[in-house]
Amino acid sequence: MKATPTPPLNPPDHNLTASILEIVPGLGHLYKGHILTGLLIMFLGIPVAMVSGVVLALCTFGLGLFLPLAFWVWMIFEVYWIDDWAHRI
């Protein structure tokens, strides 16, 4: 008789871990296996959001400073719902 491996009692929640790692935008994508997307967010998305926020802040009496914050919050929710390519079961 062949023994089958039992799954762990409490499997890790990779969605929650990726969302926590998304404190650094792009890191959660890298954790879930979306390498190109994570690197693009890190090296293009963050600078574009920051520069756009500063430029819009000058035009909108400071309201444009919420753009980087909105980008960051959106990335946290987005990484929670994308497919997990690195930890498929």
PDB file of N, CA and C in Angstrom:
ATOM      1  N   MET A   1       0.845  -1.168   0.000  1.00  0.00           N
ATOM      2  CA  MET A   1       0.000   0.000   0.000  1.00  0.00           C
ATOM      3  C   MET A   1       0.896   1.239   0.000  1.00  0.00           C
ATOM      4  N   LYS A   2       0.545   2.190  -0.833  1.00  0.00           N
ATOM      5  CA  LYS A   2       1.346   3.399  -0.976  1.00  0.00           C
ATOM      6  C   LYS A   2       0.757   4.521  -0.123  1.00  0.00           C
ATOM      7  N   ALA A   3       1.600   5.137   0.660  1.00  0.00           N
ATOM      8  CA  ALA A   3       1.143   6.228   1.525  1.00  0.00           C
ATOM      9  C   ALA A   3       1.061   7.524   0.708  1.00  0.00           C
ATOM     10  N   THR A   4      -0.019   8.239   0.891  1.00  0.00           N
ATOM     11  CA  THR A   4      -0.168   9.525   0.217  1.00  0.00           C
ATOM     12  C   THR A   4       0.172  10.630   1.205  1.00  0.00           C
ATOM     13  N   PRO A   5       0.878  11.637   0.733  1.00  0.00           N
ATOM     14  CA  PRO A   5       1.224  12.734   1.639  1.00  0.00           C
ATOM     15  C   PRO A   5      -0.017  13.523   2.024  1.00  0.00           C
ATOM     16  N   THR A   6      -0.074  13.907   3.264  1.00  0.00           N
ATOM     17  CA  THR A   6      -1.206  14.704   3.737  1.00  0.00           C
ATOM     18  C   THR A   6      -0.876  16.181   3.584  1.00  0.00           C
ATOM     19  N   PRO A   7      -1.861  16.973   3.202  1.00  0.00           N
ATOM     20  CA  PRO A   7      -1.604  18.410   3.083  1.00  0.00           C
ATOM     21  C   PRO A   7      -1.394  19.020   4.466  1.00  0.00           C
ATOM     22  N   PRO A   8      -0.702  20.138   4.531  1.00  0.00           N
ATOM     23  CA  PRO A   8      -0.503  20.788   5.832  1.00  0.00           C
ATOM     24  C   PRO A   8      -1.844  21.210   6.435  1.00  0.00           C
ATOM     25  N   LEU A   9      -1.891  21.228   7.749  1.00  0.00           N
ATOM     26  CA  LEU A   9      -3.138  21.575   8.432  1.00  0.00           C
ATOM     27  C   LEU A   9      -3.561  23.009   8.149  1.00  0.00           C
ATOM     28  N   ASN A  10      -2.625  23.906   8.180  1.00  0.00           N
ATOM     29  CA  ASN A  10      -2.910  25.310   7.917  1.00  0.00           C
ATOM     30  C   ASN A  10      -2.057  25.760   6.728  1.00  0.00           C
ATOM     31  N   PRO A  11      -2.553  25.592   5.515  1.00  0.00           N
ATOM     32  CA  PRO A  11      -1.740  26.018   4.370  1.00  0.00           C
ATOM     33  C   PRO A  11      -1.535  27.529   4.411  1.00  0.00           C
ATOM     34  N   PRO A  12      -0.378  27.993   3.970  1.00  0.00           N
ATOM     35  CA  PRO A  12      -0.122  29.438   4.011  1.00  0.00           C
ATOM     36  C   PRO A  12      -1.041  30.188   3.054  1.00  0.00           C
ATOM     37  N   ASP A  13      -1.437  31.357   3.455  1.00  0.00           N
ATOM     38  CA  ASP A  13      -2.280  32.200   2.611  1.00  0.00           C
ATOM     39  C   ASP A  13      -1.361  33.092   1.780  1.00  0.00           C
ATOM     40  N   HIS A  14      -1.085  32.666   0.552  1.00  0.00           N
ATOM     41  CA  HIS A  14      -0.155  33.401  -0.285  1.00  0.00           C
ATOM     42  C   HIS A  14      -0.719  34.750  -0.714  1.00  0.00           C
ATOM     43  N   ASN A  15      -2.042  34.873  -0.778  1.00  0.00           N
ATOM     44  CA  ASN A  15      -2.637  36.163  -1.131  1.00  0.00           C
ATOM     45  C   ASN A  15      -2.368  37.200  -0.054  1.00  0.00           C
ATOM     46  N   LEU A  16      -2.533  36.805   1.196  1.00  0.00           N
ATOM     47  CA  LEU A  16      -2.288  37.737   2.295  1.00  0.00           C
ATOM     48  C   LEU A  16      -0.807  38.093   2.378  1.00  0.00           C
ATOM     49  N   THR A  17       0.055  37.100   2.212  1.00  0.00           N
ATOM     50  CA  THR A  17       1.499  37.361   2.257  1.00  0.00           C
ATOM     51  C   THR A  17       1.906  38.321   1.145  1.00  0.00           C
ATOM     52  N   ALA A  18       1.385  38.112  -0.050  1.00  0.00           N
ATOM     53  CA  ALA A  18       1.707  38.999  -1.174  1.00  0.00           C
ATOM     54  C   ALA A  18       1.191  40.406  -0.920  1.00  0.00           C
ATOM     55  N   SER A  19       0.016  40.526  -0.302  1.00  0.00           N
ATOM     56  CA  SER A  19      -0.522  41.857  -0.002  1.00  0.00           C
ATOM     57  C   SER A  19       0.338  42.582   1.022  1.00  0.00           C
ATOM     58  N   ILE A  20       0.838  41.852   1.998  1.00  0.00           N
ATOM     59  CA  ILE A  20       1.719  42.477   2.998  1.00  0.00           C
ATOM     60  C   ILE A  20       3.038  42.885   2.353  1.00  0.00           C
ATOM     61  N   LEU A  21       3.569  42.041   1.468  1.00  0.00           N
ATOM     62  CA  LEU A  21       4.815  42.378   0.778  1.00  0.00           C
ATOM     63  C   LEU A  21       4.649  43.562  -0.169  1.00  0.00           C
ATOM     64  N   GLU A  22       3.424  43.850  -0.548  1.00  0.00           N
ATOM     65  CA  GLU A  22       3.165  44.944  -1.481  1.00  0.00           C
ATOM     66  C   GLU A  22       3.341  46.308  -0.810  1.00  0.00           C
ATOM     67  N   ILE A  23       3.765  46.332   0.440  1.00  0.00           N
ATOM     68  CA  ILE A  23       4.162  47.594   1.074  1.00  0.00           C
ATOM     69  C   ILE A  23       5.249  48.233   0.228  1.00  0.00           C
ATOM     70  N   VAL A  24       6.114  47.398  -0.338  1.00  0.00           N
ATOM     71  CA  VAL A  24       7.050  47.849  -1.365  1.00  0.00           C
ATOM     72  C   VAL A  24       6.406  47.487  -2.703  1.00  0.00           C
ATOM     73  N   PRO A  25       5.847  48.456  -3.440  1.00  0.00           N
ATOM     74  CA  PRO A  25       5.112  48.132  -4.663  1.00  0.00           C
ATOM     75  C   PRO A  25       5.937  47.282  -5.633  1.00  0.00           C
ATOM     76  N   GLY A  26       5.331  46.186  -6.048  1.00  0.00           N
ATOM     77  CA  GLY A  26       5.977  45.266  -6.965  1.00  0.00           C
ATOM     78  C   GLY A  26       6.510  44.017  -6.298  1.00  0.00           C
ATOM     79  N   LEU A  27       6.779  44.075  -5.010  1.00  0.00           N
ATOM     80  CA  LEU A  27       7.356  42.930  -4.303  1.00  0.00           C
ATOM     81  C   LEU A  27       6.355  41.784  -4.178  1.00  0.00           C
ATOM     82  N   GLY A  28       5.094  42.091  -3.991  1.00  0.00           N
ATOM     83  CA  GLY A  28       4.070  41.056  -3.923  1.00  0.00           C
ATOM     84  C   GLY A  28       3.900  40.334  -5.256  1.00  0.00           C
ATOM     85  N   HIS A  29       4.048  41.086  -6.355  1.00  0.00           N
ATOM     86  CA  HIS A  29       3.979  40.468  -7.676  1.00  0.00           C
ATOM     87  C   HIS A  29       5.150  39.510  -7.877  1.00  0.00           C
ATOM     88  N   LEU A  30       6.324  39.914  -7.434  1.00  0.00           N
ATOM     89  CA  LEU A  30       7.483  39.031  -7.535  1.00  0.00           C
ATOM     90  C   LEU A  30       7.262  37.764  -6.709  1.00  0.00           C
ATOM     91  N   TYR A  31       6.672  37.899  -5.532  1.00  0.00           N
ATOM     92  CA  TYR A  31       6.407  36.758  -4.660  1.00  0.00           C
ATOM     93  C   TYR A  31       5.438  35.775  -5.310  1.00  0.00           C
ATOM     94  N   LYS A  32       4.455  36.301  -6.047  1.00  0.00           N
ATOM     95  CA  LYS A  32       3.462  35.438  -6.693  1.00  0.00           C
ATOM     96  C   LYS A  32       3.904  34.932  -8.059  1.00  0.00           C
ATOM     97  N   GLY A  33       5.113  35.256  -8.481  1.00  0.00           N
ATOM     98  CA  GLY A  33       5.645  34.730  -9.723  1.00  0.00           C
ATOM     99  C   GLY A  33       5.461  35.612 -10.932  1.00  0.00           C
ATOM    100  N   HIS A  34       4.927  36.799 -10.772  1.00  0.00           N
ATOM    101  CA  HIS A  34       4.743  37.745 -11.875  1.00  0.00           C
ATOM    102  C   HIS A  34       5.990  38.634 -11.934  1.00  0.00           C
ATOM    103  N   ILE A  35       7.070  38.071 -12.448  1.00  0.00           N
ATOM    104  CA  ILE A  35       8.377  38.719 -12.383  1.00  0.00           C
ATOM    105  C   ILE A  35       8.411  40.012 -13.202  1.00  0.00           C
ATOM    106  N   LEU A  36       8.015  39.947 -14.452  1.00  0.00           N
ATOM    107  CA  LEU A  36       8.075  41.126 -15.318  1.00  0.00           C
ATOM    108  C   LEU A  36       7.176  42.240 -14.793  1.00  0.00           C
ATOM    109  N   THR A  37       5.969  41.887 -14.381  1.00  0.00           N
ATOM    110  CA  THR A  37       5.047  42.896 -13.844  1.00  0.00           C
ATOM    111  C   THR A  37       5.627  43.542 -12.587  1.00  0.00           C
ATOM    112  N   GLY A  38       6.172  42.724 -11.688  1.00  0.00           N
ATOM    113  CA  GLY A  38       6.753  43.260 -10.463  1.00  0.00           C
ATOM    114  C   GLY A  38       7.911  44.198 -10.730  1.00  0.00           C
ATOM    115  N   LEU A  39       8.786  43.827 -11.649  1.00  0.00           N
ATOM    116  CA  LEU A  39       9.927  44.689 -11.963  1.00  0.00           C
ATOM    117  C   LEU A  39       9.487  45.977 -12.643  1.00  0.00           C
ATOM    118  N   LEU A  40       8.489  45.889 -13.528  1.00  0.00           N
ATOM    119  CA  LEU A  40       7.975  47.100 -14.174  1.00  0.00           C
ATOM    120  C   LEU A  40       7.344  48.048 -13.160  1.00  0.00           C
ATOM    121  N   ILE A  41       6.618  47.490 -12.205  1.00  0.00           N
ATOM    122  CA  ILE A  41       6.010  48.334 -11.174  1.00  0.00           C
ATOM    123  C   ILE A  41       7.094  48.997 -10.338  1.00  0.00           C
ATOM    124  N   MET A  42       8.115  48.224  -9.984  1.00  0.00           N
ATOM    125  CA  MET A  42       9.181  48.772  -9.136  1.00  0.00           C
ATOM    126  C   MET A  42       9.965  49.882  -9.835  1.00  0.00           C
ATOM    127  N   PHE A  43      10.324  49.648 -11.101  1.00  0.00           N
ATOM    128  CA  PHE A  43      11.244  50.571 -11.759  1.00  0.00           C
ATOM    129  C   PHE A  43      10.579  51.583 -12.683  1.00  0.00           C
ATOM    130  N   LEU A  44       9.302  51.397 -13.017  1.00  0.00           N
ATOM    131  CA  LEU A  44       8.589  52.382 -13.828  1.00  0.00           C
ATOM    132  C   LEU A  44       7.370  52.951 -13.110  1.00  0.00           C
ATOM    133  N   GLY A  45       6.591  52.084 -12.489  1.00  0.00           N
ATOM    134  CA  GLY A  45       5.343  52.520 -11.869  1.00  0.00           C
ATOM    135  C   GLY A  45       5.546  53.464 -10.701  1.00  0.00           C
ATOM    136  N   ILE A  46       6.469  53.141  -9.835  1.00  0.00           N
ATOM    137  CA  ILE A  46       6.703  53.983  -8.661  1.00  0.00           C
ATOM    138  C   ILE A  46       7.204  55.374  -9.069  1.00  0.00           C
ATOM    139  N   PRO A  47       8.249  55.472  -9.921  1.00  0.00           N
ATOM    140  CA  PRO A  47       8.694  56.821 -10.307  1.00  0.00           C
ATOM    141  C   PRO A  47       7.628  57.629 -11.044  1.00  0.00           C
ATOM    142  N   VAL A  48       6.873  56.969 -11.929  1.00  0.00           N
ATOM    143  CA  VAL A  48       5.826  57.697 -12.664  1.00  0.00           C
ATOM    144  C   VAL A  48       4.750  58.193 -11.701  1.00  0.00           C
ATOM    145  N   ALA A  49       4.350  57.372 -10.743  1.00  0.00           N
ATOM    146  CA  ALA A  49       3.338  57.788  -9.771  1.00  0.00           C
ATOM    147  C   ALA A  49       3.847  58.939  -8.912  1.00  0.00           C
ATOM    148  N   MET A  50       5.117  58.890  -8.518  1.00  0.00           N
ATOM    149  CA  MET A  50       5.660  59.961  -7.679  1.00  0.00           C
ATOM    150  C   MET A  50       5.765  61.278  -8.449  1.00  0.00           C
ATOM    151  N   VAL A  51       6.305  61.224  -9.654  1.00  0.00           N
ATOM    152  CA  VAL A  51       6.446  62.448 -10.455  1.00  0.00           C
ATOM    153  C   VAL A  51       5.072  63.011 -10.806  1.00  0.00           C
ATOM    154  N   SER A  52       4.154  62.141 -11.191  1.00  0.00           N
ATOM    155  CA  SER A  52       2.800  62.610 -11.504  1.00  0.00           C
ATOM    156  C   SER A  52       2.141  63.233 -10.279  1.00  0.00           C
ATOM    157  N   GLY A  53       2.342  62.629  -9.127  1.00  0.00           N
ATOM    158  CA  GLY A  53       1.775  63.175  -7.899  1.00  0.00           C
ATOM    159  C   GLY A  53       2.310  64.552  -7.581  1.00  0.00           C
ATOM    160  N   VAL A  54       3.613  64.748  -7.752  1.00  0.00           N
ATOM    161  CA  VAL A  54       4.213  66.061  -7.473  1.00  0.00           C
ATOM    162  C   VAL A  54       3.728  67.094  -8.481  1.00  0.00           C
ATOM    163  N   VAL A  55       3.699  66.735  -9.755  1.00  0.00           N
ATOM    164  CA  VAL A  55       3.236  67.683 -10.778  1.00  0.00           C
ATOM    165  C   VAL A  55       1.774  68.034 -10.552  1.00  0.00           C
ATOM    166  N   LEU A  56       0.947  67.034 -10.284  1.00  0.00           N
ATOM    167  CA  LEU A  56      -0.460  67.319 -10.032  1.00  0.00           C
ATOM    168  C   LEU A  56      -0.669  68.073  -8.725  1.00  0.00           C
ATOM    169  N   ALA A  57       0.203  67.868  -7.748  1.00  0.00           N
ATOM    170  CA  ALA A  57       0.087  68.609  -6.488  1.00  0.00           C
ATOM    171  C   ALA A  57       0.272  70.102  -6.729  1.00  0.00           C
ATOM    172  N   LEU A  58       1.151  70.446  -7.644  1.00  0.00           N
ATOM    173  CA  LEU A  58       1.371  71.861  -7.947  1.00  0.00           C
ATOM    174  C   LEU A  58       0.165  72.466  -8.663  1.00  0.00           C
ATOM    175  N   CYS A  59      -0.561  71.643  -9.411  1.00  0.00           N
ATOM    176  CA  CYS A  59      -1.704  72.143 -10.184  1.00  0.00           C
ATOM    177  C   CYS A  59      -3.020  72.082  -9.414  1.00  0.00           C
ATOM    178  N   THR A  60      -3.105  71.263  -8.390  1.00  0.00           N
ATOM    179  CA  THR A  60      -4.385  71.028  -7.724  1.00  0.00           C
ATOM    180  C   THR A  60      -4.349  71.375  -6.239  1.00  0.00           C
ATOM    181  N   PHE A  61      -3.474  72.266  -5.856  1.00  0.00           N
ATOM    182  CA  PHE A  61      -3.365  72.712  -4.464  1.00  0.00           C
ATOM    183  C   PHE A  61      -3.098  71.550  -3.507  1.00  0.00           C
ATOM    184  N   GLY A  62      -2.281  70.610  -3.932  1.00  0.00           N
ATOM    185  CA  GLY A  62      -1.869  69.514  -3.064  1.00  0.00           C
ATOM    186  C   GLY A  62      -2.675  68.239  -3.168  1.00  0.00           C
ATOM    187  N   LEU A  63      -3.814  68.267  -3.863  1.00  0.00           N
ATOM    188  CA  LEU A  63      -4.630  67.054  -3.968  1.00  0.00           C
ATOM    189  C   LEU A  63      -3.954  65.964  -4.794  1.00  0.00           C
ATOM    190  N   GLY A  64      -3.036  66.335  -5.659  1.00  0.00           N
ATOM    191  CA  GLY A  64      -2.326  65.364  -6.469  1.00  0.00           C
ATOM    192  C   GLY A  64      -1.410  64.469  -5.669  1.00  0.00           C
ATOM    193  N   LEU A  65      -1.120  64.852  -4.428  1.00  0.00           N
ATOM    194  CA  LEU A  65      -0.270  64.010  -3.577  1.00  0.00           C
ATOM    195  C   LEU A  65      -0.968  62.708  -3.197  1.00  0.00           C
ATOM    196  N   PHE A  66      -2.275  62.641  -3.413  1.00  0.00           N
ATOM    197  CA  PHE A  66      -2.999  61.401  -3.131  1.00  0.00           C
ATOM    198  C   PHE A  66      -2.813  60.363  -4.243  1.00  0.00           C
ATOM    199  N   LEU A  67      -2.274  60.766  -5.392  1.00  0.00           N
ATOM    200  CA  LEU A  67      -2.074  59.824  -6.492  1.00  0.00           C
ATOM    201  C   LEU A  67      -1.123  58.683  -6.123  1.00  0.00           C
ATOM    202  N   PRO A  68       0.065  58.950  -5.545  1.00  0.00           N
ATOM    203  CA  PRO A  68       0.921  57.822  -5.146  1.00  0.00           C
ATOM    204  C   PRO A  68       0.265  56.937  -4.089  1.00  0.00           C
ATOM    205  N   LEU A  69      -0.493  57.525  -3.180  1.00  0.00           N
ATOM    206  CA  LEU A  69      -1.192  56.742  -2.162  1.00  0.00           C
ATOM    207  C   LEU A  69      -2.262  55.856  -2.812  1.00  0.00           C
ATOM    208  N   ALA A  70      -3.007  56.408  -3.757  1.00  0.00           N
ATOM    209  CA  ALA A  70      -4.029  55.622  -4.458  1.00  0.00           C
ATOM    210  C   ALA A  70      -3.381  54.502  -5.269  1.00  0.00           C
ATOM    211  N   PHE A  71      -2.255  54.778  -5.895  1.00  0.00           N
ATOM    212  CA  PHE A  71      -1.515  53.755  -6.645  1.00  0.00           C
ATOM    213  C   PHE A  71      -1.101  52.612  -5.717  1.00  0.00           C
ATOM    214  N   TRP A  72      -0.596  52.954  -4.556  1.00  0.00           N
ATOM    215  CA  TRP A  72      -0.125  51.961  -3.589  1.00  0.00           C
ATOM    216  C   TRP A  72      -1.276  51.094  -3.076  1.00  0.00           C
ATOM    217  N   VAL A  73      -2.393  51.711  -2.717  1.00  0.00           N
ATOM    218  CA  VAL A  73      -3.554  50.961  -2.216  1.00  0.00           C
ATOM    219  C   VAL A  73      -4.120  50.072  -3.319  1.00  0.00           C
ATOM    220  N   TRP A  74      -4.188  50.583  -4.542  1.00  0.00           N
ATOM    221  CA  TRP A  74      -4.665  49.786  -5.661  1.00  0.00           C
ATOM    222  C   TRP A  74      -3.785  48.564  -5.882  1.00  0.00           C
ATOM    223  N   MET A  75      -2.482  48.720  -5.754  1.00  0.00           N
ATOM    224  CA  MET A  75      -1.565  47.600  -5.946  1.00  0.00           C
ATOM    225  C   MET A  75      -1.759  46.534  -4.861  1.00  0.00           C
ATOM    226  N   ILE A  76      -2.048  46.939  -3.644  1.00  0.00           N
ATOM    227  CA  ILE A  76      -2.282  45.969  -2.566  1.00  0.00           C
ATOM    228  C   ILE A  76      -3.512  45.124  -2.870  1.00  0.00           C
ATOM    229  N   PHE A  77      -4.596  45.750  -3.301  1.00  0.00           N
ATOM    230  CA  PHE A  77      -5.802  44.990  -3.631  1.00  0.00           C
ATOM    231  C   PHE A  77      -5.612  44.160  -4.899  1.00  0.00           C
ATOM    232  N   GLU A  78      -4.893  44.692  -5.870  1.00  0.00           N
ATOM    233  CA  GLU A  78      -4.707  43.989  -7.130  1.00  0.00           C
ATOM    234  C   GLU A  78      -3.872  42.729  -6.946  1.00  0.00           C
ATOM    235  N   VAL A  79      -2.818  42.800  -6.142  1.00  0.00           N
ATOM    236  CA  VAL A  79      -1.955  41.628  -5.960  1.00  0.00           C
ATOM    237  C   VAL A  79      -2.673  40.534  -5.171  1.00  0.00           C
ATOM    238  N   TYR A  80      -3.658  40.894  -4.395  1.00  0.00           N
ATOM    239  CA  TYR A  80      -4.420  39.882  -3.656  1.00  0.00           C
ATOM    240  C   TYR A  80      -5.223  39.005  -4.613  1.00  0.00           C
ATOM    241  N   TRP A  81      -5.706  39.579  -5.711  1.00  0.00           N
ATOM    242  CA  TRP A  81      -6.622  38.861  -6.595  1.00  0.00           C
ATOM    243  C   TRP A  81      -5.977  38.240  -7.829  1.00  0.00           C
ATOM    244  N   ILE A  82      -4.704  38.537  -8.122  1.00  0.00           N
ATOM    245  CA  ILE A  82      -4.096  37.941  -9.309  1.00  0.00           C
ATOM    246  C   ILE A  82      -3.773  36.477  -9.066  1.00  0.00           C
ATOM    247  N   ASP A  83      -3.622  35.721 -10.149  1.00  0.00           N
ATOM    248  CA  ASP A  83      -3.291  34.301 -10.048  1.00  0.00           C
ATOM    249  C   ASP A  83      -1.898  34.126  -9.453  1.00  0.00           C
ATOM    250  N   ASP A  84      -1.756  33.070  -8.683  1.00  0.00           N
ATOM    251  CA  ASP A  84      -0.485  32.749  -8.045  1.00  0.00           C
ATOM    252  C   ASP A  84       0.269  31.777  -8.944  1.00  0.00           C
ATOM    253  N   TRP A  85       1.279  32.262  -9.636  1.00  0.00           N
ATOM    254  CA  TRP A  85       2.040  31.424 -10.544  1.00  0.00           C
ATOM    255  C   TRP A  85       3.174  30.694  -9.836  1.00  0.00           C
ATOM    256  N   ALA A  86       3.626  31.183  -8.711  1.00  0.00           N
ATOM    257  CA  ALA A  86       4.783  30.598  -8.044  1.00  0.00           C
ATOM    258  C   ALA A  86       4.395  29.494  -7.062  1.00  0.00           C
ATOM    259  N   HIS A  87       3.190  29.518  -6.515  1.00  0.00           N
ATOM    260  CA  HIS A  87       2.809  28.583  -5.458  1.00  0.00           C
ATOM    261  C   HIS A  87       1.586  27.774  -5.849  1.00  0.00           C
ATOM    262  N   ARG A  88       1.602  27.235  -7.028  1.00  0.00           N
ATOM    263  CA  ARG A  88       0.463  26.402  -7.472  1.00  0.00           C
ATOM    264  C   ARG A  88       0.469  25.101  -6.715  1.00  0.00           C
ATOM    265  N   ILE A  89      -0.709  24.663  -6.367  1.00  0.00           N
ATOM    266  CA  ILE A  89      -0.836  23.395  -5.622  1.00  0.00           C
ATOM    267  C   ILE A  89      -1.462  22.356  -6.535  1.00  0.00           C
TER     268      ILE A  89
END
